[in-house]
Amino acid sequence: MSVSARNVFKGKISALVDGSVNAEVEVTTTGGDRIVSIVTEGSVNALGLAVGKEVVAYVKAPWVMLLTGLDGVRFSARNQLRGTVSALHKGAVNTEVAITLAGGTVVYSVVTNEAILELGLKVGVEASALIKASHVILGVEA
């Protein structure tokens, strides 16, 4: 299967907290990085989600927000992933930014060229990717 989401994180469910409507699912990637997703209880049942199950987490690059130099600031986004800018691919209006996390996972974001300048992003700069847990879509092998 091919998908249009730029971020594809393969891993296993390392934690699952059930709620009355939604569940919080933590996925640990093969490199040890962690991504949290919020899914409905219906999805938990339909996909057979359980701790230890292999899953794939998908996030579209435009849903990934980037930060630099904001140590000590707190955000409501469940996924706050710190890494180093490893690549920039500039277009006419937007730039695709690759951030490599400590475990080797690469997170891609698409932001405006103006944001690149304002944040001072270039290869080697430390940056954080913010992803709302509700923007993480889970899939399993059929």
N, C-alpha and C. Protein backbone atom coordinates (compact mmCIF):
# COMPACT_ATOMS: atom_id res chain seq x y z
N MET A 1 0.84 -1.17 0.00
CA MET A 1 0.00 0.00 0.00
C MET A 1 0.89 1.23 0.00
N SER A 2 0.55 2.22 -0.80
CA SER A 2 1.23 3.51 -0.81
C SER A 2 0.29 4.56 -0.24
N VAL A 3 0.86 5.52 0.49
CA VAL A 3 0.05 6.58 1.08
C VAL A 3 0.71 7.93 0.79
N SER A 4 -0.08 8.99 0.88
CA SER A 4 0.44 10.32 0.61
C SER A 4 1.08 10.97 1.84
N ALA A 5 0.92 10.38 3.00
CA ALA A 5 1.52 10.95 4.22
C ALA A 5 3.03 10.82 4.14
N ARG A 6 3.75 11.90 4.36
CA ARG A 6 5.21 11.92 4.27
C ARG A 6 5.86 11.20 5.45
N ASN A 7 5.23 11.26 6.61
CA ASN A 7 5.77 10.63 7.82
C ASN A 7 5.13 9.27 8.03
N VAL A 8 5.96 8.24 8.01
CA VAL A 8 5.50 6.87 8.22
C VAL A 8 6.40 6.27 9.30
N PHE A 9 5.81 6.02 10.47
CA PHE A 9 6.56 5.52 11.62
C PHE A 9 6.14 4.08 11.91
N LYS A 10 7.04 3.12 11.71
CA LYS A 10 6.75 1.73 12.02
C LYS A 10 7.20 1.43 13.44
N GLY A 11 6.38 0.68 14.16
CA GLY A 11 6.75 0.32 15.52
C GLY A 11 5.74 -0.60 16.16
N LYS A 12 5.83 -0.68 17.47
CA LYS A 12 4.91 -1.52 18.25
C LYS A 12 4.20 -0.65 19.28
N ILE A 13 3.00 -1.04 19.61
CA ILE A 13 2.26 -0.33 20.66
C ILE A 13 2.93 -0.63 21.99
N SER A 14 3.37 0.43 22.67
CA SER A 14 4.05 0.27 23.96
C SER A 14 3.15 0.63 25.13
N ALA A 15 2.05 1.33 24.86
CA ALA A 15 1.08 1.65 25.91
C ALA A 15 -0.25 1.94 25.25
N LEU A 16 -1.33 1.59 25.94
CA LEU A 16 -2.68 1.85 25.45
C LEU A 16 -3.55 2.18 26.65
N VAL A 17 -4.13 3.37 26.64
CA VAL A 17 -5.02 3.79 27.73
C VAL A 17 -6.41 3.96 27.15
N ASP A 18 -7.32 3.09 27.58
CA ASP A 18 -8.70 3.16 27.09
C ASP A 18 -9.49 4.24 27.81
N GLY A 19 -10.38 4.88 27.08
CA GLY A 19 -11.31 5.85 27.64
C GLY A 19 -12.71 5.47 27.23
N SER A 20 -13.69 6.27 27.60
CA SER A 20 -15.07 5.92 27.24
C SER A 20 -15.36 6.18 25.76
N VAL A 21 -14.67 7.14 25.15
CA VAL A 21 -14.87 7.46 23.73
C VAL A 21 -13.59 7.23 22.93
N ASN A 22 -12.48 7.75 23.45
CA ASN A 22 -11.19 7.67 22.76
C ASN A 22 -10.18 6.88 23.59
N ALA A 23 -9.11 6.48 22.90
CA ALA A 23 -8.00 5.81 23.56
C ALA A 23 -6.71 6.52 23.17
N GLU A 24 -5.76 6.52 24.10
CA GLU A 24 -4.43 7.05 23.82
C GLU A 24 -3.52 5.86 23.55
N VAL A 25 -2.87 5.89 22.38
CA VAL A 25 -2.02 4.78 21.96
C VAL A 25 -0.60 5.31 21.77
N GLU A 26 0.35 4.73 22.50
CA GLU A 26 1.75 5.10 22.35
C GLU A 26 2.44 4.05 21.49
N VAL A 27 3.13 4.54 20.44
CA VAL A 27 3.87 3.66 19.54
C VAL A 27 5.35 3.94 19.73
N THR A 28 6.13 2.89 19.96
CA THR A 28 7.58 3.02 20.04
C THR A 28 8.14 2.52 18.72
N THR A 29 8.88 3.39 18.05
CA THR A 29 9.46 3.04 16.75
C THR A 29 10.62 2.07 16.94
N THR A 30 11.08 1.50 15.84
CA THR A 30 12.19 0.56 15.91
C THR A 30 13.45 1.22 16.47
N GLY A 31 13.58 2.56 16.33
CA GLY A 31 14.73 3.28 16.88
C GLY A 31 14.53 3.74 18.31
N GLY A 32 13.36 3.47 18.89
CA GLY A 32 13.09 3.84 20.28
C GLY A 32 12.39 5.16 20.48
N ASP A 33 12.09 5.89 19.38
CA ASP A 33 11.34 7.14 19.51
C ASP A 33 9.88 6.80 19.76
N ARG A 34 9.16 7.72 20.43
CA ARG A 34 7.76 7.45 20.78
C ARG A 34 6.83 8.47 20.15
N ILE A 35 5.72 7.96 19.60
CA ILE A 35 4.69 8.77 18.97
C ILE A 35 3.37 8.39 19.63
N VAL A 36 2.58 9.39 20.03
CA VAL A 36 1.29 9.13 20.68
C VAL A 36 0.17 9.50 19.72
N SER A 37 -0.85 8.65 19.67
CA SER A 37 -2.02 8.86 18.83
C SER A 37 -3.27 8.78 19.69
N ILE A 38 -4.27 9.58 19.33
CA ILE A 38 -5.59 9.47 19.94
C ILE A 38 -6.53 8.90 18.89
N VAL A 39 -7.14 7.76 19.18
CA VAL A 39 -8.07 7.12 18.27
C VAL A 39 -9.35 6.79 19.02
N THR A 40 -10.42 6.54 18.27
CA THR A 40 -11.67 6.16 18.92
C THR A 40 -11.58 4.73 19.44
N GLU A 41 -12.42 4.43 20.42
CA GLU A 41 -12.48 3.06 20.93
C GLU A 41 -12.95 2.11 19.82
N GLY A 42 -13.78 2.63 18.90
CA GLY A 42 -14.19 1.83 17.75
C GLY A 42 -13.00 1.41 16.91
N SER A 43 -12.02 2.32 16.75
CA SER A 43 -10.81 1.99 16.00
C SER A 43 -9.95 0.98 16.75
N VAL A 44 -9.88 1.12 18.08
CA VAL A 44 -9.12 0.15 18.89
C VAL A 44 -9.66 -1.25 18.63
N ASN A 45 -10.98 -1.39 18.64
CA ASN A 45 -11.61 -2.70 18.44
C ASN A 45 -11.46 -3.17 16.99
N ALA A 46 -11.74 -2.29 16.03
CA ALA A 46 -11.70 -2.67 14.61
C ALA A 46 -10.30 -3.06 14.17
N LEU A 47 -9.28 -2.40 14.71
CA LEU A 47 -7.90 -2.69 14.32
C LEU A 47 -7.24 -3.73 15.21
N GLY A 48 -7.92 -4.11 16.30
CA GLY A 48 -7.35 -5.10 17.22
C GLY A 48 -6.13 -4.56 17.94
N LEU A 49 -6.16 -3.27 18.30
CA LEU A 49 -5.00 -2.65 18.93
C LEU A 49 -4.78 -3.18 20.34
N ALA A 50 -3.54 -3.50 20.65
CA ALA A 50 -3.15 -4.00 21.97
C ALA A 50 -1.65 -3.79 22.14
N VAL A 51 -1.22 -3.70 23.38
CA VAL A 51 0.21 -3.55 23.65
C VAL A 51 0.97 -4.70 23.00
N GLY A 52 2.05 -4.35 22.29
CA GLY A 52 2.87 -5.34 21.60
C GLY A 52 2.53 -5.51 20.13
N LYS A 53 1.37 -5.03 19.71
CA LYS A 53 0.97 -5.18 18.31
C LYS A 53 1.77 -4.23 17.42
N GLU A 54 2.19 -4.72 16.26
CA GLU A 54 2.90 -3.89 15.29
C GLU A 54 1.90 -2.99 14.56
N VAL A 55 2.26 -1.71 14.46
CA VAL A 55 1.41 -0.73 13.79
C VAL A 55 2.28 0.21 12.97
N VAL A 56 1.61 0.97 12.14
CA VAL A 56 2.27 2.04 11.40
C VAL A 56 1.51 3.32 11.71
N ALA A 57 2.25 4.36 12.11
CA ALA A 57 1.65 5.66 12.40
C ALA A 57 1.96 6.58 11.22
N TYR A 58 0.93 7.29 10.74
CA TYR A 58 1.06 8.18 9.60
C TYR A 58 0.74 9.61 10.03
N VAL A 59 1.55 10.57 9.55
CA VAL A 59 1.31 12.00 9.83
C VAL A 59 1.68 12.76 8.56
N LYS A 60 0.75 13.56 8.06
CA LYS A 60 1.05 14.40 6.90
C LYS A 60 2.00 15.51 7.32
N ALA A 61 2.98 15.81 6.47
CA ALA A 61 4.01 16.81 6.78
C ALA A 61 3.45 18.19 7.11
N PRO A 62 2.40 18.67 6.45
CA PRO A 62 1.88 20.00 6.81
C PRO A 62 1.28 20.07 8.22
N TRP A 63 1.00 18.92 8.84
CA TRP A 63 0.45 18.89 10.20
C TRP A 63 1.53 19.00 11.26
N VAL A 64 2.80 18.98 10.86
CA VAL A 64 3.92 19.03 11.81
C VAL A 64 4.38 20.48 11.95
N MET A 65 4.27 21.01 13.17
CA MET A 65 4.74 22.37 13.46
C MET A 65 6.18 22.30 13.96
N LEU A 66 6.96 23.34 13.68
CA LEU A 66 8.37 23.35 14.08
C LEU A 66 8.65 24.47 15.08
N LEU A 67 9.61 24.22 15.97
CA LEU A 67 10.01 25.19 16.99
C LEU A 67 11.53 25.21 17.11
N THR A 68 12.05 26.36 17.46
CA THR A 68 13.47 26.47 17.83
C THR A 68 13.56 27.43 19.01
N GLY A 69 14.55 27.23 19.85
CA GLY A 69 14.86 28.17 20.92
C GLY A 69 13.77 28.49 21.91
N LEU A 70 12.88 27.56 22.19
CA LEU A 70 11.81 27.83 23.14
C LEU A 70 11.88 26.90 24.35
N ASP A 71 13.08 26.70 24.87
CA ASP A 71 13.23 25.85 26.04
C ASP A 71 12.40 26.41 27.19
N GLY A 72 11.72 25.54 27.91
CA GLY A 72 10.92 25.97 29.05
C GLY A 72 9.50 26.35 28.69
N VAL A 73 9.16 26.39 27.40
CA VAL A 73 7.79 26.68 26.99
C VAL A 73 7.03 25.37 26.90
N ARG A 74 5.80 25.35 27.39
CA ARG A 74 4.99 24.14 27.37
C ARG A 74 3.89 24.27 26.33
N PHE A 75 3.56 23.15 25.70
CA PHE A 75 2.55 23.11 24.65
C PHE A 75 1.57 21.98 24.92
N SER A 76 0.38 22.09 24.38
CA SER A 76 -0.62 21.04 24.57
C SER A 76 -0.44 19.90 23.58
N ALA A 77 0.35 20.07 22.54
CA ALA A 77 0.58 18.99 21.58
C ALA A 77 1.26 17.82 22.31
N ARG A 78 0.69 16.64 22.18
CA ARG A 78 1.17 15.47 22.90
C ARG A 78 2.56 15.03 22.45
N ASN A 79 2.85 15.18 21.15
CA ASN A 79 4.13 14.77 20.60
C ASN A 79 5.04 15.98 20.45
N GLN A 80 6.07 16.03 21.25
CA GLN A 80 7.07 17.10 21.21
C GLN A 80 8.41 16.41 21.01
N LEU A 81 8.82 16.37 19.74
CA LEU A 81 9.95 15.55 19.34
C LEU A 81 11.15 16.42 19.01
N ARG A 82 12.21 16.29 19.79
CA ARG A 82 13.41 17.11 19.61
C ARG A 82 14.44 16.36 18.78
N GLY A 83 15.06 17.11 17.85
CA GLY A 83 16.07 16.51 17.01
C GLY A 83 16.91 17.59 16.34
N THR A 84 17.55 17.21 15.24
CA THR A 84 18.43 18.10 14.50
C THR A 84 17.98 18.16 13.05
N VAL A 85 17.94 19.37 12.50
CA VAL A 85 17.58 19.52 11.09
C VAL A 85 18.64 18.79 10.26
N SER A 86 18.19 17.84 9.45
CA SER A 86 19.12 17.03 8.65
C SER A 86 19.02 17.32 7.16
N ALA A 87 17.93 17.99 6.72
CA ALA A 87 17.80 18.33 5.30
C ALA A 87 16.73 19.40 5.13
N LEU A 88 16.92 20.22 4.12
CA LEU A 88 15.95 21.25 3.71
C LEU A 88 15.77 21.13 2.20
N HIS A 89 14.53 21.13 1.75
CA HIS A 89 14.26 21.11 0.31
C HIS A 89 13.34 22.29 0.01
N LYS A 90 13.94 23.38 -0.50
CA LYS A 90 13.22 24.63 -0.70
C LYS A 90 12.45 24.63 -2.01
N GLY A 91 11.20 25.08 -1.92
CA GLY A 91 10.36 25.28 -3.09
C GLY A 91 10.09 26.76 -3.27
N ALA A 92 9.20 27.10 -4.19
CA ALA A 92 8.88 28.50 -4.48
C ALA A 92 8.20 29.18 -3.30
N VAL A 93 7.37 28.45 -2.56
CA VAL A 93 6.61 29.02 -1.44
C VAL A 93 6.94 28.35 -0.12
N ASN A 94 7.11 27.03 -0.15
CA ASN A 94 7.33 26.24 1.07
C ASN A 94 8.65 25.49 1.01
N THR A 95 9.08 25.07 2.20
CA THR A 95 10.27 24.24 2.32
C THR A 95 9.91 22.98 3.08
N GLU A 96 10.40 21.83 2.60
CA GLU A 96 10.26 20.59 3.35
C GLU A 96 11.48 20.48 4.26
N VAL A 97 11.23 20.27 5.55
CA VAL A 97 12.29 20.18 6.55
C VAL A 97 12.32 18.76 7.10
N ALA A 98 13.50 18.17 7.16
CA ALA A 98 13.68 16.86 7.77
C ALA A 98 14.40 17.05 9.10
N ILE A 99 13.83 16.49 10.17
CA ILE A 99 14.44 16.54 11.49
C ILE A 99 14.71 15.10 11.92
N THR A 100 15.97 14.80 12.23
CA THR A 100 16.34 13.46 12.68
C THR A 100 16.33 13.44 14.20
N LEU A 101 15.55 12.52 14.75
CA LEU A 101 15.43 12.38 16.20
C LEU A 101 16.57 11.51 16.74
N ALA A 102 16.72 11.49 18.05
CA ALA A 102 17.82 10.75 18.69
C ALA A 102 17.85 9.28 18.30
N GLY A 103 16.68 8.67 18.15
CA GLY A 103 16.61 7.25 17.80
C GLY A 103 16.77 6.96 16.32
N GLY A 104 16.95 8.02 15.52
CA GLY A 104 17.15 7.83 14.09
C GLY A 104 15.91 8.05 13.25
N THR A 105 14.76 8.16 13.88
CA THR A 105 13.53 8.44 13.14
C THR A 105 13.63 9.83 12.52
N VAL A 106 13.15 9.97 11.28
CA VAL A 106 13.13 11.27 10.61
C VAL A 106 11.70 11.75 10.54
N VAL A 107 11.49 13.00 10.97
CA VAL A 107 10.17 13.64 10.92
C VAL A 107 10.25 14.73 9.86
N TYR A 108 9.25 14.75 8.98
CA TYR A 108 9.20 15.75 7.91
C TYR A 108 8.09 16.76 8.19
N SER A 109 8.39 18.01 7.90
CA SER A 109 7.43 19.09 8.02
C SER A 109 7.50 19.94 6.77
N VAL A 110 6.38 20.55 6.41
CA VAL A 110 6.35 21.52 5.32
C VAL A 110 5.91 22.84 5.91
N VAL A 111 6.79 23.85 5.82
CA VAL A 111 6.50 25.19 6.34
C VAL A 111 6.84 26.23 5.28
N THR A 112 6.39 27.44 5.51
CA THR A 112 6.67 28.49 4.53
C THR A 112 8.15 28.85 4.53
N ASN A 113 8.60 29.36 3.42
CA ASN A 113 9.99 29.82 3.33
C ASN A 113 10.26 30.93 4.33
N GLU A 114 9.26 31.75 4.60
CA GLU A 114 9.40 32.82 5.58
C GLU A 114 9.64 32.25 6.97
N ALA A 115 8.95 31.16 7.30
CA ALA A 115 9.14 30.51 8.61
C ALA A 115 10.57 29.97 8.75
N ILE A 116 11.14 29.47 7.66
CA ILE A 116 12.51 28.97 7.69
C ILE A 116 13.46 30.08 8.13
N LEU A 117 13.26 31.27 7.55
CA LEU A 117 14.10 32.42 7.89
C LEU A 117 13.87 32.87 9.33
N GLU A 118 12.60 32.97 9.74
CA GLU A 118 12.27 33.43 11.09
C GLU A 118 12.82 32.49 12.17
N LEU A 119 12.79 31.18 11.90
CA LEU A 119 13.26 30.19 12.87
C LEU A 119 14.76 29.95 12.78
N GLY A 120 15.38 30.45 11.73
CA GLY A 120 16.81 30.24 11.55
C GLY A 120 17.15 28.79 11.26
N LEU A 121 16.28 28.11 10.55
CA LEU A 121 16.49 26.69 10.28
C LEU A 121 17.51 26.48 9.17
N LYS A 122 18.47 25.61 9.46
CA LYS A 122 19.44 25.14 8.48
C LYS A 122 19.97 23.81 9.00
N VAL A 123 20.61 23.07 8.14
CA VAL A 123 21.13 21.76 8.52
C VAL A 123 22.06 21.92 9.73
N GLY A 124 21.83 21.06 10.74
CA GLY A 124 22.63 21.08 11.96
C GLY A 124 22.00 21.81 13.12
N VAL A 125 20.95 22.59 12.88
CA VAL A 125 20.27 23.35 13.94
C VAL A 125 19.34 22.41 14.71
N GLU A 126 19.33 22.54 16.05
CA GLU A 126 18.39 21.78 16.85
C GLU A 126 17.00 22.38 16.70
N ALA A 127 16.01 21.51 16.57
CA ALA A 127 14.63 21.94 16.41
C ALA A 127 13.71 20.88 16.99
N SER A 128 12.48 21.29 17.27
CA SER A 128 11.48 20.36 17.77
C SER A 128 10.30 20.32 16.82
N ALA A 129 9.74 19.13 16.67
CA ALA A 129 8.53 18.93 15.87
C ALA A 129 7.37 18.73 16.84
N LEU A 130 6.30 19.49 16.65
CA LEU A 130 5.09 19.34 17.46
C LEU A 130 4.02 18.69 16.60
N ILE A 131 3.43 17.62 17.12
CA ILE A 131 2.36 16.92 16.39
C ILE A 131 1.24 16.62 17.38
N LYS A 132 0.06 17.10 17.07
CA LYS A 132 -1.09 16.78 17.91
C LYS A 132 -1.39 15.29 17.79
N ALA A 133 -1.70 14.65 18.90
CA ALA A 133 -1.97 13.22 18.90
C ALA A 133 -3.15 12.88 17.99
N SER A 134 -4.09 13.80 17.85
CA SER A 134 -5.25 13.55 16.99
C SER A 134 -4.89 13.59 15.51
N HIS A 135 -3.67 14.04 15.16
CA HIS A 135 -3.22 14.05 13.78
C HIS A 135 -2.41 12.80 13.41
N VAL A 136 -2.27 11.89 14.34
CA VAL A 136 -1.52 10.66 14.08
C VAL A 136 -2.52 9.55 13.76
N ILE A 137 -2.44 9.05 12.54
CA ILE A 137 -3.36 8.02 12.06
C ILE A 137 -2.66 6.66 12.14
N LEU A 138 -3.34 5.66 12.71
CA LEU A 138 -2.73 4.35 12.87
C LEU A 138 -3.26 3.37 11.84
N GLY A 139 -2.38 2.48 11.40
CA GLY A 139 -2.77 1.41 10.48
C GLY A 139 -2.12 0.11 10.91
N VAL A 140 -2.77 -1.00 10.56
CA VAL A 140 -2.23 -2.33 10.85
C VAL A 140 -2.31 -3.17 9.58
N GLU A 141 -1.47 -4.20 9.51
CA GLU A 141 -1.53 -5.14 8.40
C GLU A 141 -2.85 -5.88 8.45
N ALA A 142 -3.45 -6.06 7.30
CA ALA A 142 -4.76 -6.76 7.25
C ALA A 142 -4.58 -8.25 7.37
